[in-house]
Amino acid sequence: MYKALIRPLLFLMDAERVHHLVFSWLRIKGNVPGFKSLLSGLFYYEHPGLQKELFGLTFKNPVGLAAGFDKDAKLIDELACFGFGFIEIGTLTPKPQPGNEKPRLFRLPKDQALINRMGFNNEGVLAAVERLKKRKSDVIVGGNIGKNKNTPNEKALDDYAYCVEALYPVVDYFVVNVSSPNTPGLRELQEKEPLRKLLSFVKAQVNTKLKPKPVLLKIAPDLTVEQLDDVIEILKETKTDGIIATNTTVSRDGLSGPADAVQQIGSGGLSGKPLTRHSTEVIRYLRKQLGPAFPIIGVGGIMSVQDALDKLEAGADLIQLYTGFVYEGPGFVKQINKAIQARRKSL
């Protein structure tokens, strides 16, 4: 029903406007008694065999919602009803910022892809903290953090520190985001020395707490093998708790749609099916180099149940959805979790 009827109607409208309309609808319906129970009954699939222990946390299932979907933690309780084992909010910055000019979110239906240049639009970390204090769901929540657009890179540590301090009481893990292509200069922090300094700083800050929480790094898919090797070295050196591979790509390789239409869209990060194979290859390389125990979250181009299984087979411990959730609809999480359980049962 979603792909045959609902999606075609939604795709007639501007992508970002649809996102806000759906969020408003869910927020209103979420206040209706019994609505969240109805959602859970339709879409939540639970099985003890899906549980996963990772960096000190127990995930009810390995399928999460990637950062960017619920940046400001507005619908944690409602989105948890769709069966996600964890939800990552953000990217959050210390100060509110509007992001880049609109339009900034584009669909490429023929390629099952999205291009976004949102630019870390969010209401600021403190607004998200207040919402998270009121949530009722026990779903695991990760805090994806970044720097404000106007913060120079030499002051970036201050922004990350501010976000860690603010979010600490209300999230279960942190994600250091230096891989978005939509904030000028941000990816320079992925270079070896800036990245070493940043991760060391955040880990040191977390380790001052009575109960340290996991710190993960989210990387771009556009890194060379040499750059990946540098990242691996730094992860080990700084004792970073995990890695998320991968963010969106600046590449436009493999698109089948009209080149002039893509060119007209302009800059931004590409997600969806064109990223599927490459992100899986990055995961496979990371697993080989990092060994069997290092936590890896796989994201990027999970557009089918098989894509999800492939990510796990390549070495991901957990996976995250975004574009696939948009294209495949609310039943996608349940389909994946059922397939994962079926595969485990057959082994």
Foldseek 3Di string as FASTA:
>chain_A
DCQVPVLVVLVVDQPVVSLVVVLVVLLVQVPPPPSLVVLLVVAADFDCVQWDAAPNDIFRHQEEADEPSAQLQSQPSSLVSLHHSEYEHFQAWAAADQFDDPPAWDDDVVQLKIFGLRGRHDHHLLSSLVNLVPDDDPRAYEYEYFYHLPDDLVCGLVTVLSNCVSCVVRHQEYEDEQAFPNRPPSVVCLDQPNVLVNLLSVQVSQVVDPDRHAYEYEHALPDDPVSLVSVLVSCVVSVHQAYEFYDFDQDPPPDPDDPVVVVVSPTGGMFAQVFLPSSLVSLLVCCVVNDQRRAYEYEGHPQALVSVVSSVVSRHPHYHDDSNCSNVHSNRSVVNRVVVVVVVVVD
